[in-house]
Amino acid sequence: MTEDLRRRLSAEVHRVDWHPLAPHAKRGGLVLVDSRLDLIDVAVAVAADDSASVQAWMEAGQLQRPTQSQVADWQSQTRECFTVVIVQPYVLAQRDTGPVVT
């Protein structure tokens, strides 16, 4: 089951700029994933309700909601990019330095 979930989530990864993420941040559903973590590993843990892993990442500051300061900065920067995957009700996002692919 985990491998099927991993394949499904891997197929749902997208790269976007800030604008489609703003509504999710506003409703509290955007979670930033530290770049040292594998986005798909985190997505699988969230989808599988692996609360021990998720809690450990949160306590280490590796999973967090964006601050108001970050949101304000990203609203004004059109070049900020993110790699994202949706695990309802959350959007997991990592900052990305590459160009947005539409």
N, C-alpha and C. Protein backbone atom coordinates (compact mmCIF):
# COMPACT_ATOMS: atom_id res chain seq x y z
N MET A 1 0.81 -1.20 0.00
CA MET A 1 0.00 0.00 0.00
C MET A 1 0.86 1.27 0.00
N THR A 2 1.93 1.27 0.78
CA THR A 2 2.78 2.45 0.85
C THR A 2 3.43 2.76 -0.49
N GLU A 3 3.83 1.72 -1.21
CA GLU A 3 4.45 1.96 -2.53
C GLU A 3 3.43 2.51 -3.51
N ASP A 4 2.19 2.03 -3.46
CA ASP A 4 1.14 2.58 -4.33
C ASP A 4 0.89 4.05 -3.99
N LEU A 5 0.84 4.34 -2.70
CA LEU A 5 0.63 5.71 -2.24
C LEU A 5 1.80 6.59 -2.69
N ARG A 6 3.01 6.10 -2.54
CA ARG A 6 4.20 6.84 -2.96
C ARG A 6 4.15 7.14 -4.47
N ARG A 7 3.78 6.15 -5.27
CA ARG A 7 3.69 6.36 -6.73
C ARG A 7 2.62 7.40 -7.07
N ARG A 8 1.45 7.29 -6.41
CA ARG A 8 0.36 8.22 -6.68
C ARG A 8 0.76 9.64 -6.31
N LEU A 9 1.34 9.81 -5.14
CA LEU A 9 1.75 11.15 -4.71
C LEU A 9 2.88 11.71 -5.58
N SER A 10 3.80 10.87 -5.99
CA SER A 10 4.90 11.31 -6.87
C SER A 10 4.36 11.85 -8.18
N ALA A 11 3.28 11.24 -8.66
CA ALA A 11 2.68 11.68 -9.93
C ALA A 11 1.92 13.00 -9.77
N GLU A 12 1.67 13.41 -8.53
CA GLU A 12 0.89 14.62 -8.28
C GLU A 12 1.75 15.81 -7.84
N VAL A 13 3.05 15.71 -7.97
CA VAL A 13 3.96 16.81 -7.60
C VAL A 13 3.94 17.85 -8.71
N HIS A 14 3.85 19.13 -8.30
CA HIS A 14 3.84 20.23 -9.26
C HIS A 14 4.79 21.32 -8.79
N ARG A 15 5.20 22.15 -9.72
CA ARG A 15 6.01 23.32 -9.41
C ARG A 15 5.17 24.54 -9.74
N VAL A 16 5.08 25.44 -8.77
CA VAL A 16 4.24 26.63 -8.94
C VAL A 16 4.92 27.85 -8.33
N ASP A 17 4.38 29.02 -8.69
CA ASP A 17 4.82 30.22 -7.99
C ASP A 17 3.92 30.42 -6.78
N TRP A 18 4.07 31.53 -6.09
CA TRP A 18 3.35 31.75 -4.84
C TRP A 18 1.83 31.88 -5.02
N HIS A 19 1.38 32.48 -6.09
CA HIS A 19 -0.01 32.89 -6.23
C HIS A 19 -1.04 31.77 -6.01
N PRO A 20 -0.87 30.57 -6.56
CA PRO A 20 -1.87 29.53 -6.27
C PRO A 20 -1.81 29.00 -4.84
N LEU A 21 -0.73 29.30 -4.13
CA LEU A 21 -0.59 28.84 -2.74
C LEU A 21 -1.21 29.81 -1.74
N ALA A 22 -1.36 31.06 -2.13
CA ALA A 22 -1.85 32.09 -1.21
C ALA A 22 -3.18 31.73 -0.54
N PRO A 23 -4.18 31.24 -1.28
CA PRO A 23 -5.45 30.90 -0.62
C PRO A 23 -5.29 29.78 0.42
N HIS A 24 -4.39 28.85 0.16
CA HIS A 24 -4.17 27.76 1.11
C HIS A 24 -3.49 28.27 2.37
N ALA A 25 -2.57 29.23 2.21
CA ALA A 25 -1.93 29.84 3.37
C ALA A 25 -2.96 30.60 4.19
N LYS A 26 -3.84 31.29 3.51
CA LYS A 26 -4.87 32.09 4.19
C LYS A 26 -5.79 31.21 5.04
N ARG A 27 -6.13 30.01 4.56
CA ARG A 27 -7.03 29.12 5.30
C ARG A 27 -6.27 28.24 6.31
N GLY A 28 -4.93 28.38 6.35
CA GLY A 28 -4.13 27.60 7.29
C GLY A 28 -3.78 26.21 6.81
N GLY A 29 -3.95 25.95 5.52
CA GLY A 29 -3.71 24.63 4.98
C GLY A 29 -2.36 24.44 4.30
N LEU A 30 -1.53 25.48 4.27
CA LEU A 30 -0.22 25.37 3.63
C LEU A 30 0.82 25.00 4.68
N VAL A 31 1.58 23.96 4.39
CA VAL A 31 2.63 23.51 5.29
C VAL A 31 3.95 23.53 4.53
N LEU A 32 4.92 24.25 5.08
CA LEU A 32 6.24 24.32 4.46
C LEU A 32 7.09 23.14 4.94
N VAL A 33 7.73 22.49 3.98
CA VAL A 33 8.57 21.33 4.26
C VAL A 33 10.02 21.74 4.07
N ASP A 34 10.83 21.53 5.09
CA ASP A 34 12.25 21.87 5.03
C ASP A 34 12.89 21.18 3.82
N SER A 35 13.80 21.89 3.18
CA SER A 35 14.44 21.35 1.97
C SER A 35 15.32 20.13 2.24
N ARG A 36 15.66 19.90 3.50
CA ARG A 36 16.47 18.71 3.82
C ARG A 36 15.63 17.44 3.89
N LEU A 37 14.30 17.60 3.88
CA LEU A 37 13.40 16.44 3.88
C LEU A 37 12.96 16.13 2.46
N ASP A 38 12.67 14.86 2.22
CA ASP A 38 12.11 14.45 0.93
C ASP A 38 10.61 14.74 0.95
N LEU A 39 10.14 15.54 0.01
CA LEU A 39 8.74 15.95 -0.03
C LEU A 39 7.80 14.75 -0.07
N ILE A 40 8.14 13.74 -0.85
CA ILE A 40 7.27 12.57 -0.98
C ILE A 40 7.27 11.75 0.31
N ASP A 41 8.41 11.64 0.99
CA ASP A 41 8.43 10.95 2.29
C ASP A 41 7.48 11.63 3.27
N VAL A 42 7.50 12.95 3.29
CA VAL A 42 6.62 13.69 4.18
C VAL A 42 5.16 13.49 3.77
N ALA A 43 4.88 13.57 2.47
CA ALA A 43 3.52 13.39 1.99
C ALA A 43 2.98 12.01 2.35
N VAL A 44 3.79 10.99 2.20
CA VAL A 44 3.38 9.63 2.54
C VAL A 44 3.09 9.55 4.05
N ALA A 45 3.94 10.13 4.86
CA ALA A 45 3.74 10.11 6.31
C ALA A 45 2.45 10.82 6.70
N VAL A 46 2.17 11.96 6.08
CA VAL A 46 0.94 12.70 6.38
C VAL A 46 -0.27 11.88 5.93
N ALA A 47 -0.22 11.35 4.72
CA ALA A 47 -1.36 10.58 4.18
C ALA A 47 -1.61 9.31 4.98
N ALA A 48 -0.54 8.70 5.50
CA ALA A 48 -0.67 7.44 6.25
C ALA A 48 -0.89 7.68 7.74
N ASP A 49 -1.07 8.93 8.13
CA ASP A 49 -1.27 9.27 9.55
C ASP A 49 -0.13 8.81 10.44
N ASP A 50 1.09 8.96 9.94
CA ASP A 50 2.28 8.63 10.73
C ASP A 50 2.57 9.81 11.65
N SER A 51 1.79 9.89 12.72
CA SER A 51 1.86 11.06 13.60
C SER A 51 3.21 11.18 14.30
N ALA A 52 3.88 10.09 14.57
CA ALA A 52 5.19 10.16 15.23
C ALA A 52 6.20 10.90 14.36
N SER A 53 6.26 10.55 13.07
CA SER A 53 7.19 11.23 12.16
C SER A 53 6.81 12.69 11.98
N VAL A 54 5.52 12.94 11.76
CA VAL A 54 5.06 14.31 11.55
C VAL A 54 5.36 15.17 12.78
N GLN A 55 5.08 14.65 13.96
CA GLN A 55 5.34 15.38 15.20
C GLN A 55 6.84 15.67 15.37
N ALA A 56 7.67 14.69 15.06
CA ALA A 56 9.12 14.89 15.17
C ALA A 56 9.60 15.99 14.23
N TRP A 57 9.10 16.00 13.00
CA TRP A 57 9.48 17.04 12.04
C TRP A 57 8.99 18.41 12.51
N MET A 58 7.77 18.45 13.07
CA MET A 58 7.25 19.72 13.56
C MET A 58 8.09 20.24 14.72
N GLU A 59 8.42 19.36 15.64
CA GLU A 59 9.23 19.76 16.79
C GLU A 59 10.63 20.23 16.38
N ALA A 60 11.14 19.66 15.30
CA ALA A 60 12.46 20.06 14.79
C ALA A 60 12.38 21.31 13.91
N GLY A 61 11.17 21.82 13.69
CA GLY A 61 11.00 23.00 12.85
C GLY A 61 11.10 22.71 11.36
N GLN A 62 11.00 21.43 11.00
CA GLN A 62 11.12 21.04 9.59
C GLN A 62 9.79 21.03 8.86
N LEU A 63 8.70 21.10 9.61
CA LEU A 63 7.35 21.29 9.06
C LEU A 63 6.75 22.45 9.81
N GLN A 64 6.29 23.45 9.07
CA GLN A 64 5.68 24.60 9.73
C GLN A 64 4.80 25.37 8.76
N ARG A 65 3.90 26.13 9.31
CA ARG A 65 3.08 27.01 8.49
C ARG A 65 3.89 28.27 8.20
N PRO A 66 3.65 28.92 7.06
CA PRO A 66 4.40 30.14 6.75
C PRO A 66 4.05 31.26 7.73
N THR A 67 5.03 32.09 8.02
CA THR A 67 4.80 33.25 8.87
C THR A 67 4.15 34.36 8.05
N GLN A 68 3.57 35.33 8.74
CA GLN A 68 2.99 36.48 8.04
C GLN A 68 4.06 37.23 7.25
N SER A 69 5.26 37.28 7.79
CA SER A 69 6.37 37.95 7.11
C SER A 69 6.72 37.23 5.81
N GLN A 70 6.79 35.91 5.86
CA GLN A 70 7.07 35.14 4.64
C GLN A 70 5.99 35.37 3.59
N VAL A 71 4.74 35.30 4.02
CA VAL A 71 3.61 35.50 3.10
C VAL A 71 3.71 36.88 2.44
N ALA A 72 3.99 37.91 3.22
CA ALA A 72 4.11 39.27 2.68
C ALA A 72 5.25 39.34 1.66
N ASP A 73 6.37 38.71 1.97
CA ASP A 73 7.50 38.70 1.03
C ASP A 73 7.13 38.00 -0.26
N TRP A 74 6.48 36.85 -0.15
CA TRP A 74 6.15 36.06 -1.33
C TRP A 74 5.07 36.73 -2.18
N GLN A 75 4.21 37.50 -1.55
CA GLN A 75 3.17 38.21 -2.31
C GLN A 75 3.82 39.19 -3.30
N SER A 76 4.96 39.76 -2.90
CA SER A 76 5.60 40.78 -3.74
C SER A 76 6.67 40.20 -4.67
N GLN A 77 7.02 38.94 -4.51
CA GLN A 77 8.06 38.33 -5.34
C GLN A 77 7.43 37.38 -6.35
N THR A 78 7.54 37.72 -7.60
CA THR A 78 6.95 36.86 -8.63
C THR A 78 7.87 35.71 -9.01
N ARG A 79 9.11 35.72 -8.56
CA ARG A 79 10.05 34.66 -8.95
C ARG A 79 10.16 33.54 -7.93
N GLU A 80 9.49 33.66 -6.79
CA GLU A 80 9.56 32.61 -5.78
C GLU A 80 8.80 31.39 -6.28
N CYS A 81 9.46 30.23 -6.26
CA CYS A 81 8.86 28.99 -6.76
C CYS A 81 8.82 27.94 -5.65
N PHE A 82 7.87 27.02 -5.79
CA PHE A 82 7.69 25.97 -4.82
C PHE A 82 7.41 24.65 -5.54
N THR A 83 7.84 23.56 -4.94
CA THR A 83 7.44 22.24 -5.38
C THR A 83 6.38 21.80 -4.38
N VAL A 84 5.23 21.36 -4.89
CA VAL A 84 4.09 21.09 -4.01
C VAL A 84 3.44 19.75 -4.31
N VAL A 85 2.78 19.23 -3.28
CA VAL A 85 1.93 18.06 -3.43
C VAL A 85 0.77 18.24 -2.44
N ILE A 86 -0.42 17.85 -2.87
CA ILE A 86 -1.60 17.99 -2.03
C ILE A 86 -1.88 16.68 -1.31
N VAL A 87 -2.01 16.78 0.00
CA VAL A 87 -2.46 15.67 0.84
C VAL A 87 -3.58 16.26 1.68
N GLN A 88 -4.80 16.08 1.22
CA GLN A 88 -5.96 16.73 1.84
C GLN A 88 -5.95 16.59 3.35
N PRO A 89 -6.18 17.63 4.08
CA PRO A 89 -6.57 18.99 3.66
C PRO A 89 -5.38 19.94 3.50
N TYR A 90 -4.18 19.39 3.37
CA TYR A 90 -2.98 20.22 3.34
C TYR A 90 -2.36 20.30 1.95
N VAL A 91 -1.65 21.39 1.74
CA VAL A 91 -0.76 21.53 0.59
C VAL A 91 0.64 21.58 1.18
N LEU A 92 1.46 20.59 0.85
CA LEU A 92 2.84 20.53 1.32
C LEU A 92 3.72 21.20 0.28
N ALA A 93 4.57 22.12 0.72
CA ALA A 93 5.36 22.89 -0.24
C ALA A 93 6.80 23.04 0.24
N GLN A 94 7.71 22.93 -0.73
CA GLN A 94 9.13 23.21 -0.50
C GLN A 94 9.54 24.35 -1.41
N ARG A 95 10.35 25.26 -0.86
CA ARG A 95 10.87 26.33 -1.71
C ARG A 95 11.78 25.72 -2.76
N ASP A 96 11.75 26.31 -3.94
CA ASP A 96 12.42 25.77 -5.10
C ASP A 96 13.11 26.92 -5.83
N THR A 97 14.31 26.70 -6.32
CA THR A 97 15.01 27.77 -7.01
C THR A 97 14.90 27.71 -8.52
N GLY A 98 14.34 26.65 -9.06
CA GLY A 98 14.22 26.53 -10.50
C GLY A 98 13.04 27.31 -11.06
N PRO A 99 12.97 27.45 -12.38
CA PRO A 99 11.85 28.18 -13.00
C PRO A 99 10.56 27.40 -12.89
N VAL A 100 9.45 28.11 -12.86
CA VAL A 100 8.14 27.47 -12.81
C VAL A 100 7.83 26.84 -14.15
N VAL A 101 7.36 25.61 -14.12
CA VAL A 101 6.94 24.92 -15.34
C VAL A 101 5.42 24.90 -15.33
N THR A 102 4.80 25.46 -16.35
CA THR A 102 3.33 25.50 -16.39
C THR A 102 2.78 24.50 -17.35
